[in-house]
């Protein structure tokens, strides 16, 4: 494939680091209680990423090594199964 999965995975990890990760058990609505996190964007569910192309194994290792809730999937069916399992 023409997609360099290691480069894509690095970009996903870098972007995710710029977003505040929150516990899925803590809900927050901007302006709801005036706390210091007001208006921040956050991810409160695992992120499932389908990688296919050049250096796919290196890309998966980058995602796994990030120690963030980023799950690599082989195709869209695999991504759906992993997304449901991660939320169960």
PDB file of N, CA and C in Angstrom:
ATOM      1  N   UNK A   1       0.808  -1.185   0.000  1.00  0.00           N
ATOM      2  CA  UNK A   1       0.000   0.000   0.000  1.00  0.00           C
ATOM      3  C   UNK A   1       0.859   1.260   0.000  1.00  0.00           C
ATOM      4  N   UNK A   2       0.253   2.357  -0.334  1.00  0.00           N
ATOM      5  CA  UNK A   2       0.978   3.622  -0.374  1.00  0.00           C
ATOM      6  C   UNK A   2       0.926   4.370   0.951  1.00  0.00           C
ATOM      7  N   UNK A   3       0.072   3.902   1.859  1.00  0.00           N
ATOM      8  CA  UNK A   3      -0.021   4.560   3.161  1.00  0.00           C
ATOM      9  C   UNK A   3       1.102   4.052   4.055  1.00  0.00           C
ATOM     10  N   UNK A   4       1.837   4.957   4.668  1.00  0.00           N
ATOM     11  CA  UNK A   4       2.908   4.580   5.587  1.00  0.00           C
ATOM     12  C   UNK A   4       2.316   4.570   6.991  1.00  0.00           C
ATOM     13  N   UNK A   5       1.957   3.381   7.436  1.00  0.00           N
ATOM     14  CA  UNK A   5       1.230   3.235   8.699  1.00  0.00           C
ATOM     15  C   UNK A   5       2.027   3.707   9.903  1.00  0.00           C
ATOM     16  N   UNK A   6       3.354   3.614   9.850  1.00  0.00           N
ATOM     17  CA  UNK A   6       4.145   4.097  10.978  1.00  0.00           C
ATOM     18  C   UNK A   6       4.019   5.615  11.108  1.00  0.00           C
ATOM     19  N   UNK A   7       3.989   6.307   9.989  1.00  0.00           N
ATOM     20  CA  UNK A   7       3.834   7.767  10.003  1.00  0.00           C
ATOM     21  C   UNK A   7       2.426   8.143  10.471  1.00  0.00           C
ATOM     22  N   UNK A   8       1.443   7.430   9.973  1.00  0.00           N
ATOM     23  CA  UNK A   8       0.058   7.690  10.375  1.00  0.00           C
ATOM     24  C   UNK A   8      -0.120   7.429  11.865  1.00  0.00           C
ATOM     25  N   UNK A   9       0.409   6.307  12.356  1.00  0.00           N
ATOM     26  CA  UNK A   9       0.287   5.972  13.778  1.00  0.00           C
ATOM     27  C   UNK A   9       0.961   7.029  14.646  1.00  0.00           C
ATOM     28  N   UNK A  10       2.124   7.493  14.241  1.00  0.00           N
ATOM     29  CA  UNK A  10       2.808   8.543  15.006  1.00  0.00           C
ATOM     30  C   UNK A  10       1.965   9.813  15.057  1.00  0.00           C
ATOM     31  N   UNK A  11       1.341  10.161  13.953  1.00  0.00           N
ATOM     32  CA  UNK A  11       0.476  11.334  13.912  1.00  0.00           C
ATOM     33  C   UNK A  11      -0.741  11.181  14.804  1.00  0.00           C
ATOM     34  N   UNK A  12      -1.321   9.989  14.827  1.00  0.00           N
ATOM     35  CA  UNK A  12      -2.481   9.737  15.687  1.00  0.00           C
ATOM     36  C   UNK A  12      -2.087   9.859  17.150  1.00  0.00           C
ATOM     37  N   UNK A  13      -0.952   9.270  17.521  1.00  0.00           N
ATOM     38  CA  UNK A  13      -0.484   9.343  18.908  1.00  0.00           C
ATOM     39  C   UNK A  13      -0.207  10.796  19.291  1.00  0.00           C
ATOM     40  N   UNK A  14       0.468  11.537  18.431  1.00  0.00           N
ATOM     41  CA  UNK A  14       0.761  12.942  18.734  1.00  0.00           C
ATOM     42  C   UNK A  14      -0.516  13.763  18.877  1.00  0.00           C
ATOM     43  N   UNK A  15      -1.482  13.533  18.015  1.00  0.00           N
ATOM     44  CA  UNK A  15      -2.749  14.265  18.110  1.00  0.00           C
ATOM     45  C   UNK A  15      -3.492  13.890  19.387  1.00  0.00           C
ATOM     46  N   UNK A  16      -3.497  12.611  19.720  1.00  0.00           N
ATOM     47  CA  UNK A  16      -4.195  12.161  20.931  1.00  0.00           C
ATOM     48  C   UNK A  16      -3.557  12.749  22.182  1.00  0.00           C
ATOM     49  N   UNK A  17      -2.253  12.936  22.170  1.00  0.00           N
ATOM     50  CA  UNK A  17      -1.574  13.521  23.327  1.00  0.00           C
ATOM     51  C   UNK A  17      -1.977  14.975  23.529  1.00  0.00           C
ATOM     52  N   UNK A  18      -2.396  15.636  22.463  1.00  0.00           N
ATOM     53  CA  UNK A  18      -2.803  17.024  22.566  1.00  0.00           C
ATOM     54  C   UNK A  18      -4.240  17.170  23.063  1.00  0.00           C
ATOM     55  N   UNK A  19      -4.966  16.065  23.070  1.00  0.00           N
ATOM     56  CA  UNK A  19      -6.350  16.059  23.541  1.00  0.00           C
ATOM     57  C   UNK A  19      -6.349  15.510  24.959  1.00  0.00           C
ATOM     58  N   UNK A  20      -7.090  16.128  25.810  1.00  0.00           N
ATOM     59  CA  UNK A  20      -7.151  15.666  27.200  1.00  0.00           C
ATOM     60  C   UNK A  20      -7.927  14.354  27.259  1.00  0.00           C
ATOM     61  N   UNK A  21      -7.279  13.284  27.744  1.00  0.00           N
ATOM     62  CA  UNK A  21      -7.935  11.982  27.898  1.00  0.00           C
ATOM     63  C   UNK A  21      -8.644  11.968  29.230  1.00  0.00           C
ATOM     64  N   UNK A  22      -9.885  11.505  29.234  1.00  0.00           N
ATOM     65  CA  UNK A  22     -10.678  11.456  30.457  1.00  0.00           C
ATOM     66  C   UNK A  22     -11.121  10.024  30.721  1.00  0.00           C
ATOM     67  N   UNK A  23     -11.429   9.754  31.960  1.00  0.00           N
ATOM     68  CA  UNK A  23     -11.981   8.464  32.351  1.00  0.00           C
ATOM     69  C   UNK A  23     -13.368   8.332  31.750  1.00  0.00           C
ATOM     70  N   UNK A  24     -13.726   7.145  31.223  1.00  0.00           N
ATOM     71  CA  UNK A  24     -15.078   6.969  30.685  1.00  0.00           C
ATOM     72  C   UNK A  24     -16.148   7.047  31.759  1.00  0.00           C
ATOM     73  N   UNK A  25     -15.749   6.993  33.026  1.00  0.00           N
ATOM     74  CA  UNK A  25     -16.714   7.051  34.115  1.00  0.00           C
ATOM     75  C   UNK A  25     -16.955   8.481  34.586  1.00  0.00           C
ATOM     76  N   UNK A  26     -16.214   9.445  34.051  1.00  0.00           N
ATOM     77  CA  UNK A  26     -16.373  10.833  34.462  1.00  0.00           C
ATOM     78  C   UNK A  26     -16.981  11.614  33.310  1.00  0.00           C
ATOM     79  N   UNK A  27     -18.180  12.056  33.484  1.00  0.00           N
ATOM     80  CA  UNK A  27     -18.823  12.817  32.426  1.00  0.00           C
ATOM     81  C   UNK A  27     -18.588  14.298  32.659  1.00  0.00           C
ATOM     82  N   UNK A  28     -18.460  15.037  31.579  1.00  0.00           N
ATOM     83  CA  UNK A  28     -18.208  16.477  31.694  1.00  0.00           C
ATOM     84  C   UNK A  28     -18.894  17.181  30.541  1.00  0.00           C
ATOM     85  N   UNK A  29     -19.625  18.195  30.863  1.00  0.00           N
ATOM     86  CA  UNK A  29     -20.213  19.059  29.842  1.00  0.00           C
ATOM     87  C   UNK A  29     -19.652  20.446  30.049  1.00  0.00           C
ATOM     88  N   UNK A  30     -19.217  21.064  28.977  1.00  0.00           N
ATOM     89  CA  UNK A  30     -18.642  22.409  29.073  1.00  0.00           C
ATOM     90  C   UNK A  30     -19.636  23.341  29.737  1.00  0.00           C
ATOM     91  N   UNK A  31     -19.169  24.049  30.748  1.00  0.00           N
ATOM     92  CA  UNK A  31     -20.003  25.021  31.421  1.00  0.00           C
ATOM     93  C   UNK A  31     -20.953  24.442  32.450  1.00  0.00           C
ATOM     94  N   UNK A  32     -20.884  23.131  32.667  1.00  0.00           N
ATOM     95  CA  UNK A  32     -21.851  22.519  33.569  1.00  0.00           C
ATOM     96  C   UNK A  32     -21.592  22.824  35.027  1.00  0.00           C
ATOM     97  N   UNK A  33     -20.312  22.984  35.403  1.00  0.00           N
ATOM     98  CA  UNK A  33     -20.058  23.240  36.816  1.00  0.00           C
ATOM     99  C   UNK A  33     -18.960  24.277  37.030  1.00  0.00           C
ATOM    100  N   UNK A  34     -18.502  24.903  35.975  1.00  0.00           N
ATOM    101  CA  UNK A  34     -17.525  25.983  36.096  1.00  0.00           C
ATOM    102  C   UNK A  34     -16.159  25.545  36.586  1.00  0.00           C
ATOM    103  N   UNK A  35     -15.805  24.267  36.427  1.00  0.00           N
ATOM    104  CA  UNK A  35     -14.500  23.829  36.915  1.00  0.00           C
ATOM    105  C   UNK A  35     -13.390  24.215  35.943  1.00  0.00           C
ATOM    106  N   UNK A  36     -12.161  23.892  36.296  1.00  0.00           N
ATOM    107  CA  UNK A  36     -10.997  24.301  35.503  1.00  0.00           C
ATOM    108  C   UNK A  36     -10.941  23.647  34.131  1.00  0.00           C
ATOM    109  N   UNK A  37     -11.687  22.556  33.916  1.00  0.00           N
ATOM    110  CA  UNK A  37     -11.677  21.870  32.631  1.00  0.00           C
ATOM    111  C   UNK A  37     -12.755  22.382  31.685  1.00  0.00           C
ATOM    112  N   UNK A  38     -13.438  23.425  32.080  1.00  0.00           N
ATOM    113  CA  UNK A  38     -14.549  23.929  31.295  1.00  0.00           C
ATOM    114  C   UNK A  38     -14.135  24.221  29.863  1.00  0.00           C
ATOM    115  N   UNK A  39     -14.889  23.688  28.919  1.00  0.00           N
ATOM    116  CA  UNK A  39     -14.655  23.954  27.509  1.00  0.00           C
ATOM    117  C   UNK A  39     -13.562  23.112  26.873  1.00  0.00           C
ATOM    118  N   UNK A  40     -12.904  22.249  27.640  1.00  0.00           N
ATOM    119  CA  UNK A  40     -11.851  21.418  27.057  1.00  0.00           C
ATOM    120  C   UNK A  40     -12.463  20.297  26.237  1.00  0.00           C
ATOM    121  N   UNK A  41     -11.751  19.913  25.197  1.00  0.00           N
ATOM    122  CA  UNK A  41     -12.143  18.777  24.383  1.00  0.00           C
ATOM    123  C   UNK A  41     -11.510  17.550  25.002  1.00  0.00           C
ATOM    124  N   UNK A  42     -12.185  16.438  24.961  1.00  0.00           N
ATOM    125  CA  UNK A  42     -11.612  15.237  25.533  1.00  0.00           C
ATOM    126  C   UNK A  42     -12.110  13.985  24.842  1.00  0.00           C
ATOM    127  N   UNK A  43     -11.377  12.931  25.038  1.00  0.00           N
ATOM    128  CA  UNK A  43     -11.764  11.623  24.526  1.00  0.00           C
ATOM    129  C   UNK A  43     -12.030  10.761  25.740  1.00  0.00           C
ATOM    130  N   UNK A  44     -13.240  10.220  25.842  1.00  0.00           N
ATOM    131  CA  UNK A  44     -13.531   9.396  27.003  1.00  0.00           C
ATOM    132  C   UNK A  44     -13.856   7.959  26.637  1.00  0.00           C
ATOM    133  N   UNK A  45     -13.509   7.558  25.431  1.00  0.00           N
ATOM    134  CA  UNK A  45     -13.665   6.172  24.993  1.00  0.00           C
ATOM    135  C   UNK A  45     -12.381   5.737  24.296  1.00  0.00           C
ATOM    136  N   UNK A  46     -12.151   4.432  24.246  1.00  0.00           N
ATOM    137  CA  UNK A  46     -10.974   3.973  23.506  1.00  0.00           C
ATOM    138  C   UNK A  46     -11.075   4.372  22.022  1.00  0.00           C
ATOM    139  N   UNK A  47      -9.955   4.646  21.423  1.00  0.00           N
ATOM    140  CA  UNK A  47      -9.886   5.027  20.012  1.00  0.00           C
ATOM    141  C   UNK A  47      -9.443   3.809  19.213  1.00  0.00           C
ATOM    142  N   UNK A  48     -10.260   3.367  18.254  1.00  0.00           N
ATOM    143  CA  UNK A  48      -9.943   2.210  17.418  1.00  0.00           C
ATOM    144  C   UNK A  48      -9.511   2.728  16.055  1.00  0.00           C
ATOM    145  N   UNK A  49      -8.332   2.282  15.607  1.00  0.00           N
ATOM    146  CA  UNK A  49      -7.740   2.773  14.364  1.00  0.00           C
ATOM    147  C   UNK A  49      -7.485   1.595  13.426  1.00  0.00           C
ATOM    148  N   UNK A  50      -8.022   1.661  12.213  1.00  0.00           N
ATOM    149  CA  UNK A  50      -7.744   0.640  11.211  1.00  0.00           C
ATOM    150  C   UNK A  50      -6.501   1.047  10.437  1.00  0.00           C
ATOM    151  N   UNK A  51      -5.509   0.192  10.464  1.00  0.00           N
ATOM    152  CA  UNK A  51      -4.279   0.450   9.713  1.00  0.00           C
ATOM    153  C   UNK A  51      -4.114  -0.601   8.630  1.00  0.00           C
ATOM    154  N   UNK A  52      -3.821  -0.151   7.421  1.00  0.00           N
ATOM    155  CA  UNK A  52      -3.542  -1.061   6.322  1.00  0.00           C
ATOM    156  C   UNK A  52      -2.624  -0.338   5.353  1.00  0.00           C
ATOM    157  N   UNK A  53      -1.486  -0.950   5.041  1.00  0.00           N
ATOM    158  CA  UNK A  53      -0.545  -0.343   4.108  1.00  0.00           C
ATOM    159  C   UNK A  53       0.881  -0.710   4.451  1.00  0.00           C
ATOM    160  N   UNK A  54       1.797   0.106   4.008  1.00  0.00           N
ATOM    161  CA  UNK A  54       3.218  -0.103   4.238  1.00  0.00           C
ATOM    162  C   UNK A  54       3.540   0.100   5.720  1.00  0.00           C
ATOM    163  N   UNK A  55       4.392  -0.732   6.255  1.00  0.00           N
ATOM    164  CA  UNK A  55       4.847  -0.637   7.650  1.00  0.00           C
ATOM    165  C   UNK A  55       3.707  -0.775   8.653  1.00  0.00           C
ATOM    166  N   UNK A  56       2.721  -1.613   8.327  1.00  0.00           N
ATOM    167  CA  UNK A  56       1.562  -1.771   9.203  1.00  0.00           C
ATOM    168  C   UNK A  56       1.961  -2.313  10.572  1.00  0.00           C
ATOM    169  N   UNK A  57       2.878  -3.257  10.623  1.00  0.00           N
ATOM    170  CA  UNK A  57       3.284  -3.810  11.924  1.00  0.00           C
ATOM    171  C   UNK A  57       3.997  -2.755  12.762  1.00  0.00           C
ATOM    172  N   UNK A  58       4.823  -1.924  12.126  1.00  0.00           N
ATOM    173  CA  UNK A  58       5.487  -0.841  12.858  1.00  0.00           C
ATOM    174  C   UNK A  58       4.456   0.150  13.388  1.00  0.00           C
ATOM    175  N   UNK A  59       3.435   0.437  12.598  1.00  0.00           N
ATOM    176  CA  UNK A  59       2.370   1.336  13.032  1.00  0.00           C
ATOM    177  C   UNK A  59       1.624   0.790  14.231  1.00  0.00           C
ATOM    178  N   UNK A  60       1.316  -0.508  14.203  1.00  0.00           N
ATOM    179  CA  UNK A  60       0.626  -1.133  15.331  1.00  0.00           C
ATOM    180  C   UNK A  60       1.483  -1.084  16.594  1.00  0.00           C
ATOM    181  N   UNK A  61       2.778  -1.277  16.440  1.00  0.00           N
ATOM    182  CA  UNK A  61       3.680  -1.214  17.598  1.00  0.00           C
ATOM    183  C   UNK A  61       3.736   0.201  18.179  1.00  0.00           C
ATOM    184  N   UNK A  62       3.694   1.210  17.319  1.00  0.00           N
ATOM    185  CA  UNK A  62       3.686   2.606  17.788  1.00  0.00           C
ATOM    186  C   UNK A  62       2.427   2.868  18.610  1.00  0.00           C
ATOM    187  N   UNK A  63       1.278   2.419  18.100  1.00  0.00           N
ATOM    188  CA  UNK A  63       0.026   2.607  18.839  1.00  0.00           C
ATOM    189  C   UNK A  63       0.072   1.868  20.169  1.00  0.00           C
ATOM    190  N   UNK A  64       0.522   0.622  20.136  1.00  0.00           N
ATOM    191  CA  UNK A  64       0.600  -0.187  21.359  1.00  0.00           C
ATOM    192  C   UNK A  64       1.581   0.417  22.360  1.00  0.00           C
ATOM    193  N   UNK A  65       2.700   0.907  21.877  1.00  0.00           N
ATOM    194  CA  UNK A  65       3.723   1.484  22.733  1.00  0.00           C
ATOM    195  C   UNK A  65       3.370   2.840  23.305  1.00  0.00           C
ATOM    196  N   UNK A  66       2.316   3.459  22.805  1.00  0.00           N
ATOM    197  CA  UNK A  66       1.933   4.787  23.285  1.00  0.00           C
ATOM    198  C   UNK A  66       1.362   4.736  24.698  1.00  0.00           C
ATOM    199  N   UNK A  67       0.933   3.567  25.139  1.00  0.00           N
ATOM    200  CA  UNK A  67       0.294   3.368  26.436  1.00  0.00           C
ATOM    201  C   UNK A  67      -0.955   4.231  26.594  1.00  0.00           C
ATOM    202  N   UNK A  68      -1.572   4.539  25.470  1.00  0.00           N
ATOM    203  CA  UNK A  68      -2.841   5.254  25.455  1.00  0.00           C
ATOM    204  C   UNK A  68      -3.910   4.258  25.028  1.00  0.00           C
ATOM    205  N   UNK A  69      -5.161   4.605  25.216  1.00  0.00           N
ATOM    206  CA  UNK A  69      -6.248   3.705  24.833  1.00  0.00           C
ATOM    207  C   UNK A  69      -6.514   3.815  23.332  1.00  0.00           C
ATOM    208  N   UNK A  70      -5.495   3.412  22.556  1.00  0.00           N
ATOM    209  CA  UNK A  70      -5.601   3.392  21.104  1.00  0.00           C
ATOM    210  C   UNK A  70      -5.446   1.940  20.667  1.00  0.00           C
ATOM    211  N   UNK A  71      -6.453   1.421  19.979  1.00  0.00           N
ATOM    212  CA  UNK A  71      -6.505   0.016  19.603  1.00  0.00           C
ATOM    213  C   UNK A  71      -6.374  -0.100  18.090  1.00  0.00           C
ATOM    214  N   UNK A  72      -5.410  -0.897  17.623  1.00  0.00           N
ATOM    215  CA  UNK A  72      -5.216  -1.113  16.192  1.00  0.00           C
ATOM    216  C   UNK A  72      -6.155  -2.210  15.702  1.00  0.00           C
ATOM    217  N   UNK A  73      -6.717  -2.008  14.512  1.00  0.00           N
ATOM    218  CA  UNK A  73      -7.596  -2.997  13.892  1.00  0.00           C
ATOM    219  C   UNK A  73      -7.110  -3.275  12.480  1.00  0.00           C
ATOM    220  N   UNK A  74      -7.388  -4.502  11.999  1.00  0.00           N
ATOM    221  CA  UNK A  74      -6.937  -4.911  10.665  1.00  0.00           C
ATOM    222  C   UNK A  74      -7.877  -4.473   9.555  1.00  0.00           C
ATOM    223  N   UNK A  75      -9.168  -4.444   9.833  1.00  0.00           N
ATOM    224  CA  UNK A  75     -10.161  -4.022   8.845  1.00  0.00           C
ATOM    225  C   UNK A  75     -11.363  -3.450   9.595  1.00  0.00           C
ATOM    226  N   UNK A  76     -12.382  -3.032   8.867  1.00  0.00           N
ATOM    227  CA  UNK A  76     -13.515  -2.379   9.522  1.00  0.00           C
ATOM    228  C   UNK A  76     -14.335  -3.343  10.373  1.00  0.00           C
ATOM    229  N   UNK A  77     -14.432  -4.601   9.958  1.00  0.00           N
ATOM    230  CA  UNK A  77     -15.124  -5.589  10.791  1.00  0.00           C
ATOM    231  C   UNK A  77     -14.382  -5.778  12.109  1.00  0.00           C
ATOM    232  N   UNK A  78     -13.062  -5.906  12.036  1.00  0.00           N
ATOM    233  CA  UNK A  78     -12.225  -6.048  13.229  1.00  0.00           C
ATOM    234  C   UNK A  78     -12.357  -4.804  14.111  1.00  0.00           C
ATOM    235  N   UNK A  79     -12.401  -3.643  13.496  1.00  0.00           N
ATOM    236  CA  UNK A  79     -12.539  -2.387  14.253  1.00  0.00           C
ATOM    237  C   UNK A  79     -13.873  -2.352  15.002  1.00  0.00           C
ATOM    238  N   UNK A  80     -14.944  -2.792  14.357  1.00  0.00           N
ATOM    239  CA  UNK A  80     -16.251  -2.796  15.005  1.00  0.00           C
ATOM    240  C   UNK A  80     -16.268  -3.745  16.200  1.00  0.00           C
ATOM    241  N   UNK A  81     -15.708  -4.932  16.016  1.00  0.00           N
ATOM    242  CA  UNK A  81     -15.663  -5.911  17.099  1.00  0.00           C
ATOM    243  C   UNK A  81     -14.844  -5.374  18.263  1.00  0.00           C
ATOM    244  N   UNK A  82     -13.692  -4.769  17.969  1.00  0.00           N
ATOM    245  CA  UNK A  82     -12.823  -4.244  19.031  1.00  0.00           C
ATOM    246  C   UNK A  82     -13.458  -3.042  19.719  1.00  0.00           C
ATOM    247  N   UNK A  83     -14.176  -2.213  18.993  1.00  0.00           N
ATOM    248  CA  UNK A  83     -14.839  -1.053  19.596  1.00  0.00           C
ATOM    249  C   UNK A  83     -15.911  -1.512  20.581  1.00  0.00           C
ATOM    250  N   UNK A  84     -16.716  -2.476  20.179  1.00  0.00           N
ATOM    251  CA  UNK A  84     -17.764  -2.988  21.060  1.00  0.00           C
ATOM    252  C   UNK A  84     -17.144  -3.654  22.282  1.00  0.00           C
ATOM    253  N   UNK A  85     -16.106  -4.449  22.076  1.00  0.00           N
ATOM    254  CA  UNK A  85     -15.451  -5.137  23.188  1.00  0.00           C
ATOM    255  C   UNK A  85     -14.831  -4.142  24.173  1.00  0.00           C
ATOM    256  N   UNK A  86     -14.269  -3.053  23.655  1.00  0.00           N
ATOM    257  CA  UNK A  86     -13.625  -2.058  24.513  1.00  0.00           C
ATOM    258  C   UNK A  86     -14.637  -1.329  25.389  1.00  0.00           C
ATOM    259  N   UNK A  87     -15.862  -1.238  24.940  1.00  0.00           N
ATOM    260  CA  UNK A  87     -16.884  -0.533  25.704  1.00  0.00           C
ATOM    261  C   UNK A  87     -17.692  -1.458  26.619  1.00  0.00           C
ATOM    262  N   UNK A  88     -17.479  -2.755  26.466  1.00  0.00           N
ATOM    263  CA  UNK A  88     -18.240  -3.734  27.275  1.00  0.00           C
ATOM    264  C   UNK A  88     -17.720  -3.779  28.700  1.00  0.00           C
TER     265      UNK A  88
END
